[in-house]
Amino acid sequence: MSKIYILHENDDWTVHLTNRLKELHLPYETWHLDKGVVDLTAEPPEGIFYNRMSASSHTRDHRFAPELAGGVLSWLEMHDRTVFNGSRALDLEISKINQYTALEKHGIKTPKTIGAVGSEQIVEAAKRLGESPFITKHNRAGKGLGVQLFHSVDALEAYVNGPAFEEPVDGITLIQQYIQSPEPFITRAEFVGGKFIYAVKVDTSEGFELCPADVCRIDDAFCPVGEEENPPMFEILENGMDPEQITRYENFLKNSGIDVAGIEFIRDMHGEVYTYDVNTNTNYNSEAEEKANRYGMLELATFLGDALKKNL
């Protein structure tokens, strides 16, 4: 029987989708890819395939899940299966350098960024950037991994050469222009089927690890999600996006092979928009959705169900 197959490595992030699939009486199967095989001598089952592999899988001891997922996606695509967020999307999910070059190619402005491997090279990259303050982040990240603010190259050098330095899983540290916003928030635009569904205002006053998934309040001690705050940390906006910006994002997603994503951006003191993250394993915050009566996982389940019907 043809069904929906979900490729992932985190049950806690996937259950919200499978609950919606059950609600819509859609047949599905999950493939947990922290371990497994890619049998190139076999044919994949009939159905549609949705990739939810996360760049932060290594933080859950699933170090090689993205590599395994990449092999599975290549196998599916070789057999012309319908794949959403396929191998091109995965390439962007696990590399911010790939994200930024793709965004810039589509005329979408990103913060000035330099990637470096090696402690001396990281310090040299900060000198070359020539901006202060600046931030560091991991090239393969998720949840704001490795994001720190520095006000001087000397402070960075002490950090890089000290015991607190956090080595990125792929070895690449990014030195990036710090965008000063007039207010402590960023905006996350959500897309399903390549189309905009809503924008979320995210309060950044408590730090950089801004995972919207409800389970983050359990799994990630430093991820400030779902706490009772005034204003709320996550708030769906009624009029939070410029139509031209939405069109640019949708064109970028279409040309990059991305079907489902959350794209984060920030405005500086002059109103200039900088896009700094494309999350192809997007999650949604239930409290924000309840208040706005908008449901991302329901939109996604409906999209997958419609695709399955076309595939039959």
C-alpha atoms as a PDB file:
ATOM      1  CA  MET A   1       0.000   0.000   0.000  1.00  0.00           C
ATOM      2  CA  SER A   2       1.267   3.449  -0.904  1.00  0.00           C
ATOM      3  CA  LYS A   3       1.853   5.632   2.155  1.00  0.00           C
ATOM      4  CA  ILE A   4       3.669   8.663   3.556  1.00  0.00           C
ATOM      5  CA  TYR A   5       7.211   7.930   4.751  1.00  0.00           C
ATOM      6  CA  ILE A   6       8.859  10.313   7.220  1.00  0.00           C
ATOM      7  CA  LEU A   7      12.681  10.315   7.409  1.00  0.00           C
ATOM      8  CA  HIS A   8      13.913  11.687  10.743  1.00  0.00           C
ATOM      9  CA  GLU A   9      16.064  11.123  13.842  1.00  0.00           C
ATOM     10  CA  ASN A  10      13.950  12.600  16.645  1.00  0.00           C
ATOM     11  CA  ASP A  11      10.692  10.980  17.757  1.00  0.00           C
ATOM     12  CA  ASP A  12       9.786  13.927  19.982  1.00  0.00           C
ATOM     13  CA  TRP A  13       9.773  16.304  17.011  1.00  0.00           C
ATOM     14  CA  THR A  14       7.950  13.874  14.721  1.00  0.00           C
ATOM     15  CA  VAL A  15       5.034  12.833  16.933  1.00  0.00           C
ATOM     16  CA  HIS A  16       3.244  16.163  16.387  1.00  0.00           C
ATOM     17  CA  LEU A  17       3.135  15.416  12.657  1.00  0.00           C
ATOM     18  CA  THR A  18       2.122  11.769  13.022  1.00  0.00           C
ATOM     19  CA  ASN A  19      -0.709  12.830  15.345  1.00  0.00           C
ATOM     20  CA  ARG A  20      -2.048  15.049  12.574  1.00  0.00           C
ATOM     21  CA  LEU A  21      -1.649  12.277  10.002  1.00  0.00           C
ATOM     22  CA  LYS A  22      -3.699   9.985  12.264  1.00  0.00           C
ATOM     23  CA  GLU A  23      -6.288  12.723  12.658  1.00  0.00           C
ATOM     24  CA  LEU A  24      -6.629  12.891   8.857  1.00  0.00           C
ATOM     25  CA  HIS A  25      -6.643   9.057   8.561  1.00  0.00           C
ATOM     26  CA  LEU A  26      -3.563   9.061   6.347  1.00  0.00           C
ATOM     27  CA  PRO A  27      -1.303   5.973   6.119  1.00  0.00           C
ATOM     28  CA  TYR A  28       2.261   6.631   7.185  1.00  0.00           C
ATOM     29  CA  GLU A  29       5.507   5.043   8.337  1.00  0.00           C
ATOM     30  CA  THR A  30       8.469   6.629  10.101  1.00  0.00           C
ATOM     31  CA  TRP A  31      12.091   5.831   9.270  1.00  0.00           C
ATOM     32  CA  HIS A  32      14.363   6.687  12.206  1.00  0.00           C
ATOM     33  CA  LEU A  33      17.770   7.116  10.570  1.00  0.00           C
ATOM     34  CA  ASP A  34      20.233   7.333  13.431  1.00  0.00           C
ATOM     35  CA  LYS A  35      21.305   3.841  12.289  1.00  0.00           C
ATOM     36  CA  GLY A  36      20.451   1.730   9.265  1.00  0.00           C
ATOM     37  CA  VAL A  37      21.439   0.554   5.800  1.00  0.00           C
ATOM     38  CA  VAL A  38      21.038   1.842   2.248  1.00  0.00           C
ATOM     39  CA  ASP A  39      20.395  -1.167   0.013  1.00  0.00           C
ATOM     40  CA  LEU A  40      21.159   0.001  -3.521  1.00  0.00           C
ATOM     41  CA  THR A  41      20.182  -3.435  -4.857  1.00  0.00           C
ATOM     42  CA  ALA A  42      16.567  -2.970  -3.738  1.00  0.00           C
ATOM     43  CA  GLU A  43      13.772  -0.666  -4.871  1.00  0.00           C
ATOM     44  CA  PRO A  44      12.087   1.741  -2.429  1.00  0.00           C
ATOM     45  CA  PRO A  45       8.460   1.155  -1.517  1.00  0.00           C
ATOM     46  CA  GLU A  46       5.732   3.061  -3.317  1.00  0.00           C
ATOM     47  CA  GLY A  47       4.612   6.290  -1.718  1.00  0.00           C
ATOM     48  CA  ILE A  48       5.839   9.779  -0.938  1.00  0.00           C
ATOM     49  CA  PHE A  49       8.810  10.617   1.258  1.00  0.00           C
ATOM     50  CA  TYR A  50       9.298  13.600   3.551  1.00  0.00           C
ATOM     51  CA  ASN A  51      12.743  14.337   4.973  1.00  0.00           C
ATOM     52  CA  ARG A  52      12.877  15.866   8.479  1.00  0.00           C
ATOM     53  CA  MET A  53      16.563  15.303   9.157  1.00  0.00           C
ATOM     54  CA  SER A  54      18.014  17.896  11.534  1.00  0.00           C
ATOM     55  CA  ALA A  55      21.388  19.621  11.554  1.00  0.00           C
ATOM     56  CA  SER A  56      21.424  19.293  15.351  1.00  0.00           C
ATOM     57  CA  SER A  57      21.159  15.485  15.306  1.00  0.00           C
ATOM     58  CA  HIS A  58      24.642  15.133  16.811  1.00  0.00           C
ATOM     59  CA  THR A  59      23.406  16.791  20.014  1.00  0.00           C
ATOM     60  CA  ARG A  60      21.170  13.731  20.489  1.00  0.00           C
ATOM     61  CA  ASP A  61      24.029  11.265  19.857  1.00  0.00           C
ATOM     62  CA  HIS A  62      22.922  10.727  16.262  1.00  0.00           C
ATOM     63  CA  ARG A  63      26.193  11.918  14.761  1.00  0.00           C
ATOM     64  CA  PHE A  64      25.913  10.248  11.358  1.00  0.00           C
ATOM     65  CA  ALA A  65      22.163  10.501  10.832  1.00  0.00           C
ATOM     66  CA  PRO A  66      22.462  13.285   8.204  1.00  0.00           C
ATOM     67  CA  GLU A  67      25.021  11.272   6.247  1.00  0.00           C
ATOM     68  CA  LEU A  68      22.772   8.197   6.307  1.00  0.00           C
ATOM     69  CA  ALA A  69      19.775  10.329   5.330  1.00  0.00           C
ATOM     70  CA  GLY A  70      21.768  11.723   2.408  1.00  0.00           C
ATOM     71  CA  GLY A  71      22.370   8.205   1.118  1.00  0.00           C
ATOM     72  CA  VAL A  72      18.719   7.246   1.524  1.00  0.00           C
ATOM     73  CA  LEU A  73      17.588  10.390  -0.296  1.00  0.00           C
ATOM     74  CA  SER A  74      19.953   9.687  -3.207  1.00  0.00           C
ATOM     75  CA  TRP A  75      18.545   6.154  -3.422  1.00  0.00           C
ATOM     76  CA  LEU A  76      14.950   7.443  -3.424  1.00  0.00           C
ATOM     77  CA  GLU A  77      15.710  10.086  -6.027  1.00  0.00           C
ATOM     78  CA  MET A  78      17.503   7.536  -8.242  1.00  0.00           C
ATOM     79  CA  HIS A  79      14.215   5.607  -8.363  1.00  0.00           C
ATOM     80  CA  ASP A  80      12.200   8.778  -9.087  1.00  0.00           C
ATOM     81  CA  ARG A  81      10.185   8.622  -5.897  1.00  0.00           C
ATOM     82  CA  THR A  82       8.345  11.767  -4.809  1.00  0.00           C
ATOM     83  CA  VAL A  83      10.602  13.307  -2.159  1.00  0.00           C
ATOM     84  CA  PHE A  84       9.926  16.493  -0.212  1.00  0.00           C
ATOM     85  CA  ASN A  85      12.961  18.281   1.222  1.00  0.00           C
ATOM     86  CA  GLY A  86      15.275  15.996  -0.719  1.00  0.00           C
ATOM     87  CA  SER A  87      19.047  15.886  -1.050  1.00  0.00           C
ATOM     88  CA  ARG A  88      19.402  19.541  -2.102  1.00  0.00           C
ATOM     89  CA  ALA A  89      17.429  20.647   0.952  1.00  0.00           C
ATOM     90  CA  LEU A  90      19.568  18.447   3.209  1.00  0.00           C
ATOM     91  CA  ASP A  91      22.743  20.041   1.817  1.00  0.00           C
ATOM     92  CA  LEU A  92      21.441  23.424   2.950  1.00  0.00           C
ATOM     93  CA  GLU A  93      20.165  22.133   6.302  1.00  0.00           C
ATOM     94  CA  ILE A  94      23.591  20.929   7.405  1.00  0.00           C
ATOM     95  CA  SER A  95      25.689  23.870   6.153  1.00  0.00           C
ATOM     96  CA  LYS A  96      25.082  27.544   6.830  1.00  0.00           C
ATOM     97  CA  ILE A  97      27.780  28.383   4.288  1.00  0.00           C
ATOM     98  CA  ASN A  98      25.672  26.597   1.676  1.00  0.00           C
ATOM     99  CA  GLN A  99      22.594  28.437   2.943  1.00  0.00           C
ATOM    100  CA  TYR A 100      24.174  31.870   2.698  1.00  0.00           C
ATOM    101  CA  THR A 101      25.634  31.343  -0.758  1.00  0.00           C
ATOM    102  CA  ALA A 102      22.254  30.080  -2.024  1.00  0.00           C
ATOM    103  CA  LEU A 103      20.376  32.984  -0.419  1.00  0.00           C
ATOM    104  CA  GLU A 104      22.761  35.572  -1.845  1.00  0.00           C
ATOM    105  CA  LYS A 105      22.501  33.953  -5.272  1.00  0.00           C
ATOM    106  CA  HIS A 106      18.766  34.639  -5.112  1.00  0.00           C
ATOM    107  CA  GLY A 107      19.238  38.278  -4.113  1.00  0.00           C
ATOM    108  CA  ILE A 108      18.475  37.736  -0.418  1.00  0.00           C
ATOM    109  CA  LYS A 109      20.805  39.680   1.860  1.00  0.00           C
ATOM    110  CA  THR A 110      22.678  37.789   4.589  1.00  0.00           C
ATOM    111  CA  PRO A 111      25.047  39.069   7.305  1.00  0.00           C
ATOM    112  CA  LYS A 112      28.708  39.306   6.320  1.00  0.00           C
ATOM    113  CA  THR A 113      30.171  35.910   7.192  1.00  0.00           C
ATOM    114  CA  ILE A 114      33.566  34.193   7.116  1.00  0.00           C
ATOM    115  CA  GLY A 115      34.037  30.474   7.745  1.00  0.00           C
ATOM    116  CA  ALA A 116      37.218  29.143   9.335  1.00  0.00           C
ATOM    117  CA  VAL A 117      38.783  25.875  10.478  1.00  0.00           C
ATOM    118  CA  GLY A 118      41.542  26.080  13.094  1.00  0.00           C
ATOM    119  CA  SER A 119      41.980  28.398  16.073  1.00  0.00           C
ATOM    120  CA  GLU A 120      44.428  30.742  14.351  1.00  0.00           C
ATOM    121  CA  GLN A 121      42.199  30.912  11.292  1.00  0.00           C
ATOM    122  CA  ILE A 122      39.124  31.742  13.410  1.00  0.00           C
ATOM    123  CA  VAL A 123      40.938  34.693  14.977  1.00  0.00           C
ATOM    124  CA  GLU A 124      42.231  35.781  11.569  1.00  0.00           C
ATOM    125  CA  ALA A 125      38.683  35.611  10.197  1.00  0.00           C
ATOM    126  CA  ALA A 126      37.498  38.004  12.911  1.00  0.00           C
ATOM    127  CA  LYS A 127      40.274  40.429  12.038  1.00  0.00           C
ATOM    128  CA  ARG A 128      39.375  40.171   8.363  1.00  0.00           C
ATOM    129  CA  LEU A 129      35.696  40.796   9.091  1.00  0.00           C
ATOM    130  CA  GLY A 130      36.703  44.090  10.680  1.00  0.00           C
ATOM    131  CA  GLU A 131      33.479  44.565  12.624  1.00  0.00           C
ATOM    132  CA  SER A 132      32.825  44.866  16.325  1.00  0.00           C
ATOM    133  CA  PRO A 133      30.844  43.439  17.959  1.00  0.00           C
ATOM    134  CA  PHE A 134      30.519  40.176  16.022  1.00  0.00           C
ATOM    135  CA  ILE A 135      29.161  36.710  16.671  1.00  0.00           C
ATOM    136  CA  THR A 136      30.369  33.141  16.225  1.00  0.00           C
ATOM    137  CA  LYS A 137      28.187  30.200  15.250  1.00  0.00           C
ATOM    138  CA  HIS A 138      28.598  26.640  14.054  1.00  0.00           C
ATOM    139  CA  ASN A 139      28.313  25.888  10.358  1.00  0.00           C
ATOM    140  CA  ARG A 140      26.316  22.715  11.105  1.00  0.00           C
ATOM    141  CA  ALA A 141      24.159  23.803  13.961  1.00  0.00           C
ATOM    142  CA  GLY A 142      20.482  24.067  14.833  1.00  0.00           C
ATOM    143  CA  LYS A 143      19.012  25.513  18.050  1.00  0.00           C
ATOM    144  CA  GLY A 144      21.564  28.347  17.964  1.00  0.00           C
ATOM    145  CA  LEU A 145      24.532  26.073  18.623  1.00  0.00           C
ATOM    146  CA  GLY A 146      27.803  27.922  19.078  1.00  0.00           C
ATOM    147  CA  VAL A 147      26.246  31.375  18.904  1.00  0.00           C
ATOM    148  CA  GLN A 148      28.219  33.788  21.061  1.00  0.00           C
ATOM    149  CA  LEU A 149      28.648  37.550  21.009  1.00  0.00           C
ATOM    150  CA  PHE A 150      32.129  39.088  21.121  1.00  0.00           C
ATOM    151  CA  HIS A 151      33.092  42.722  21.477  1.00  0.00           C
ATOM    152  CA  SER A 152      36.736  42.317  20.513  1.00  0.00           C
ATOM    153  CA  VAL A 153      39.126  40.018  18.684  1.00  0.00           C
ATOM    154  CA  ASP A 154      41.090  39.622  21.933  1.00  0.00           C
ATOM    155  CA  ALA A 155      38.006  38.205  23.661  1.00  0.00           C
ATOM    156  CA  LEU A 156      37.498  35.765  20.805  1.00  0.00           C
ATOM    157  CA  GLU A 157      41.138  34.690  20.891  1.00  0.00           C
ATOM    158  CA  ALA A 158      40.922  33.976  24.626  1.00  0.00           C
ATOM    159  CA  TYR A 159      37.784  31.921  24.050  1.00  0.00           C
ATOM    160  CA  VAL A 160      39.129  29.945  21.086  1.00  0.00           C
ATOM    161  CA  ASN A 161      42.324  29.056  22.953  1.00  0.00           C
ATOM    162  CA  GLY A 162      40.573  28.330  26.242  1.00  0.00           C
ATOM    163  CA  PRO A 163      38.830  25.277  27.698  1.00  0.00           C
ATOM    164  CA  ALA A 164      35.312  26.600  27.004  1.00  0.00           C
ATOM    165  CA  PHE A 165      35.715  26.564  23.221  1.00  0.00           C
ATOM    166  CA  GLU A 166      32.992  24.475  21.591  1.00  0.00           C
ATOM    167  CA  GLU A 167      34.303  22.606  18.548  1.00  0.00           C
ATOM    168  CA  PRO A 168      31.736  22.475  15.692  1.00  0.00           C
ATOM    169  CA  VAL A 169      30.809  18.968  14.586  1.00  0.00           C
ATOM    170  CA  ASP A 170      32.043  19.672  11.043  1.00  0.00           C
ATOM    171  CA  GLY A 171      35.015  21.735  12.259  1.00  0.00           C
ATOM    172  CA  ILE A 172      33.799  24.979  10.664  1.00  0.00           C
ATOM    173  CA  THR A 173      33.270  28.038  12.857  1.00  0.00           C
ATOM    174  CA  LEU A 174      31.541  31.051  11.346  1.00  0.00           C
ATOM    175  CA  ILE A 175      32.493  34.623  12.210  1.00  0.00           C
ATOM    176  CA  GLN A 176      29.531  36.824  11.419  1.00  0.00           C
ATOM    177  CA  GLN A 177      28.496  40.442  11.423  1.00  0.00           C
ATOM    178  CA  TYR A 178      26.322  41.218  14.452  1.00  0.00           C
ATOM    179  CA  ILE A 179      23.012  42.761  13.410  1.00  0.00           C
ATOM    180  CA  GLN A 180      21.766  45.206  16.030  1.00  0.00           C
ATOM    181  CA  SER A 181      17.982  45.298  16.046  1.00  0.00           C
ATOM    182  CA  PRO A 182      16.090  48.222  17.598  1.00  0.00           C
ATOM    183  CA  GLU A 183      14.030  45.660  19.538  1.00  0.00           C
ATOM    184  CA  PRO A 184      15.072  42.226  20.901  1.00  0.00           C
ATOM    185  CA  PHE A 185      13.251  39.984  18.464  1.00  0.00           C
ATOM    186  CA  ILE A 186      13.668  38.155  15.165  1.00  0.00           C
ATOM    187  CA  THR A 187      11.022  36.956  12.715  1.00  0.00           C
ATOM    188  CA  ARG A 188      10.598  33.402  11.483  1.00  0.00           C
ATOM    189  CA  ALA A 189       8.603  32.853   8.288  1.00  0.00           C
ATOM    190  CA  GLU A 190       7.037  29.410   7.901  1.00  0.00           C
ATOM    191  CA  PHE A 191       6.445  27.721   4.546  1.00  0.00           C
ATOM    192  CA  VAL A 192       4.647  24.490   3.640  1.00  0.00           C
ATOM    193  CA  GLY A 193       4.600  23.200   0.080  1.00  0.00           C
ATOM    194  CA  GLY A 194       6.854  26.094  -0.798  1.00  0.00           C
ATOM    195  CA  LYS A 195       4.121  28.581   0.148  1.00  0.00           C
ATOM    196  CA  PHE A 196       4.051  31.053   3.048  1.00  0.00           C
ATOM    197  CA  ILE A 197       1.677  30.118   5.877  1.00  0.00           C
ATOM    198  CA  TYR A 198       2.546  32.570   8.672  1.00  0.00           C
ATOM    199  CA  ALA A 199       5.255  34.600  10.383  1.00  0.00           C
ATOM    200  CA  VAL A 200       6.292  34.318  14.032  1.00  0.00           C
ATOM    201  CA  LYS A 201       7.819  37.028  16.187  1.00  0.00           C
ATOM    202  CA  VAL A 202      10.455  35.443  18.441  1.00  0.00           C
ATOM    203  CA  ASP A 203      11.689  37.196  21.579  1.00  0.00           C
ATOM    204  CA  THR A 204      15.510  37.011  21.739  1.00  0.00           C
ATOM    205  CA  SER A 205      15.986  38.788  25.057  1.00  0.00           C
ATOM    206  CA  GLU A 206      16.768  35.508  26.849  1.00  0.00           C
ATOM    207  CA  GLY A 207      19.451  34.327  24.429  1.00  0.00           C
ATOM    208  CA  PHE A 208      20.114  32.713  21.082  1.00  0.00           C
ATOM    209  CA  GLU A 209      18.838  29.123  21.413  1.00  0.00           C
ATOM    210  CA  LEU A 210      15.372  29.649  19.993  1.00  0.00           C
ATOM    211  CA  CYS A 211      14.073  26.179  19.154  1.00  0.00           C
ATOM    212  CA  PRO A 212      10.285  26.566  18.815  1.00  0.00           C
ATOM    213  CA  ALA A 213       9.418  22.920  19.510  1.00  0.00           C
ATOM    214  CA  ASP A 214       7.480  22.386  22.714  1.00  0.00           C
ATOM    215  CA  VAL A 215       9.724  19.446  23.654  1.00  0.00           C
ATOM    216  CA  CYS A 216      12.677  21.843  23.941  1.00  0.00           C
ATOM    217  CA  ARG A 217      11.438  22.840  27.364  1.00  0.00           C
ATOM    218  CA  ILE A 218      12.312  19.280  28.451  1.00  0.00           C
ATOM    219  CA  ASP A 219      15.292  18.323  26.295  1.00  0.00           C
ATOM    220  CA  ASP A 220      17.204  21.577  26.074  1.00  0.00           C
ATOM    221  CA  ALA A 221      17.747  23.351  29.361  1.00  0.00           C
ATOM    222  CA  PHE A 222      18.823  26.573  27.691  1.00  0.00           C
ATOM    223  CA  CYS A 223      16.060  26.699  25.079  1.00  0.00           C
ATOM    224  CA  PRO A 224      13.483  29.209  26.381  1.00  0.00           C
ATOM    225  CA  VAL A 225      10.264  27.815  24.940  1.00  0.00           C
ATOM    226  CA  GLY A 226       6.690  27.966  26.141  1.00  0.00           C
ATOM    227  CA  GLU A 227       7.278  29.789  29.398  1.00  0.00           C
ATOM    228  CA  GLU A 228       4.688  32.227  30.628  1.00  0.00           C
ATOM    229  CA  GLU A 229       6.054  35.613  29.676  1.00  0.00           C
ATOM    230  CA  ASN A 230       4.688  39.014  28.869  1.00  0.00           C
ATOM    231  CA  PRO A 231       4.998  39.433  25.953  1.00  0.00           C
ATOM    232  CA  PRO A 232       5.093  35.751  24.900  1.00  0.00           C
ATOM    233  CA  MET A 233       8.322  34.407  23.472  1.00  0.00           C
ATOM    234  CA  PHE A 234       6.580  33.178  20.300  1.00  0.00           C
ATOM    235  CA  GLU A 235       3.783  35.200  18.728  1.00  0.00           C
ATOM    236  CA  ILE A 236       2.203  34.637  15.314  1.00  0.00           C
ATOM    237  CA  LEU A 237       1.883  37.932  13.465  1.00  0.00           C
ATOM    238  CA  GLU A 238      -1.118  38.979  11.429  1.00  0.00           C
ATOM    239  CA  ASN A 239       0.845  41.398   9.249  1.00  0.00           C
ATOM    240  CA  GLY A 240       4.483  40.495   9.784  1.00  0.00           C
ATOM    241  CA  MET A 241       5.773  40.059   6.240  1.00  0.00           C
ATOM    242  CA  ASP A 242       6.360  42.219   3.186  1.00  0.00           C
ATOM    243  CA  PRO A 243       4.712  40.541   0.125  1.00  0.00           C
ATOM    244  CA  GLU A 244       7.851  41.118  -1.977  1.00  0.00           C
ATOM    245  CA  GLN A 245       9.958  39.424   0.688  1.00  0.00           C
ATOM    246  CA  ILE A 246       7.569  36.460   0.725  1.00  0.00           C
ATOM    247  CA  THR A 247       7.889  36.156  -3.052  1.00  0.00           C
ATOM    248  CA  ARG A 248      11.703  36.220  -2.846  1.00  0.00           C
ATOM    249  CA  TYR A 249      11.664  33.507  -0.186  1.00  0.00           C
ATOM    250  CA  GLU A 250       9.218  31.348  -2.147  1.00  0.00           C
ATOM    251  CA  ASN A 251      11.360  31.640  -5.294  1.00  0.00           C
ATOM    252  CA  PHE A 252      14.451  30.725  -3.275  1.00  0.00           C
ATOM    253  CA  LEU A 253      12.726  27.638  -1.830  1.00  0.00           C
ATOM    254  CA  LYS A 254      11.453  26.512  -5.230  1.00  0.00           C
ATOM    255  CA  ASN A 255      14.862  26.853  -6.871  1.00  0.00           C
ATOM    256  CA  SER A 256      16.624  25.161  -3.922  1.00  0.00           C
ATOM    257  CA  GLY A 257      14.446  22.041  -3.798  1.00  0.00           C
ATOM    258  CA  ILE A 258      12.969  22.979  -0.406  1.00  0.00           C
ATOM    259  CA  ASP A 259       9.290  22.279   0.226  1.00  0.00           C
ATOM    260  CA  VAL A 260       8.979  22.878   3.979  1.00  0.00           C
ATOM    261  CA  ALA A 261      11.056  25.402   5.930  1.00  0.00           C
ATOM    262  CA  GLY A 262      11.265  28.112   8.542  1.00  0.00           C
ATOM    263  CA  ILE A 263      13.337  31.110   7.411  1.00  0.00           C
ATOM    264  CA  GLU A 264      14.626  33.507  10.062  1.00  0.00           C
ATOM    265  CA  PHE A 265      15.472  37.157   9.521  1.00  0.00           C
ATOM    266  CA  ILE A 266      16.202  40.301  11.485  1.00  0.00           C
ATOM    267  CA  ARG A 267      15.924  44.043  10.793  1.00  0.00           C
ATOM    268  CA  ASP A 268      18.735  46.386  11.770  1.00  0.00           C
ATOM    269  CA  MET A 269      18.473  49.918  13.175  1.00  0.00           C
ATOM    270  CA  HIS A 270      17.885  51.259   9.640  1.00  0.00           C
ATOM    271  CA  GLY A 271      15.181  48.769   8.709  1.00  0.00           C
ATOM    272  CA  GLU A 272      17.499  46.666   6.516  1.00  0.00           C
ATOM    273  CA  VAL A 273      16.506  42.982   6.457  1.00  0.00           C
ATOM    274  CA  TYR A 274      19.137  40.279   6.936  1.00  0.00           C
ATOM    275  CA  THR A 275      18.278  36.592   6.500  1.00  0.00           C
ATOM    276  CA  TYR A 276      20.464  34.321   8.600  1.00  0.00           C
ATOM    277  CA  ASP A 277      18.894  30.857   8.901  1.00  0.00           C
ATOM    278  CA  VAL A 278      16.962  28.361   6.794  1.00  0.00           C
ATOM    279  CA  ASN A 279      15.600  25.500   8.882  1.00  0.00           C
ATOM    280  CA  THR A 280      14.294  22.650   6.723  1.00  0.00           C
ATOM    281  CA  ASN A 281      13.357  20.645   9.832  1.00  0.00           C
ATOM    282  CA  THR A 282      11.000  23.327  11.023  1.00  0.00           C
ATOM    283  CA  ASN A 283       8.938  23.016  14.202  1.00  0.00           C
ATOM    284  CA  TYR A 284       6.022  25.012  15.553  1.00  0.00           C
ATOM    285  CA  ASN A 285       5.099  26.369  18.974  1.00  0.00           C
ATOM    286  CA  SER A 286       1.718  25.091  20.180  1.00  0.00           C
ATOM    287  CA  GLU A 287       0.909  28.027  22.480  1.00  0.00           C
ATOM    288  CA  ALA A 288       1.467  30.576  19.727  1.00  0.00           C
ATOM    289  CA  GLU A 289      -0.604  28.497  17.313  1.00  0.00           C
ATOM    290  CA  GLU A 290      -3.476  28.075  19.776  1.00  0.00           C
ATOM    291  CA  LYS A 291      -3.694  31.842  20.273  1.00  0.00           C
ATOM    292  CA  ALA A 292      -3.681  32.512  16.522  1.00  0.00           C
ATOM    293  CA  ASN A 293      -5.760  29.445  15.540  1.00  0.00           C
ATOM    294  CA  ARG A 294      -3.112  28.523  12.956  1.00  0.00           C
ATOM    295  CA  TYR A 295      -1.581  25.036  12.896  1.00  0.00           C
ATOM    296  CA  GLY A 296       1.595  24.343  10.959  1.00  0.00           C
ATOM    297  CA  MET A 297       1.626  20.566  11.415  1.00  0.00           C
ATOM    298  CA  LEU A 298      -1.991  20.342  10.257  1.00  0.00           C
ATOM    299  CA  GLU A 299      -1.058  22.349   7.155  1.00  0.00           C
ATOM    300  CA  LEU A 300       1.876  19.998   6.586  1.00  0.00           C
ATOM    301  CA  ALA A 301      -0.158  16.818   7.105  1.00  0.00           C
ATOM    302  CA  THR A 302      -2.793  18.118   4.680  1.00  0.00           C
ATOM    303  CA  PHE A 303      -0.105  18.928   2.110  1.00  0.00           C
ATOM    304  CA  LEU A 304       1.391  15.429   2.404  1.00  0.00           C
ATOM    305  CA  GLY A 305      -2.058  13.853   2.174  1.00  0.00           C
ATOM    306  CA  ASP A 306      -2.842  15.750  -1.015  1.00  0.00           C
ATOM    307  CA  ALA A 307       0.505  14.685  -2.472  1.00  0.00           C
ATOM    308  CA  LEU A 308      -0.190  11.056  -1.598  1.00  0.00           C
ATOM    309  CA  LYS A 309      -3.536  11.161  -3.403  1.00  0.00           C
ATOM    310  CA  LYS A 310      -1.839  12.518  -6.533  1.00  0.00           C
ATOM    311  CA  ASN A 311       0.753   9.738  -6.261  1.00  0.00           C
ATOM    312  CA  LEU A 312      -1.818   6.924  -6.210  1.00  0.00           C
END
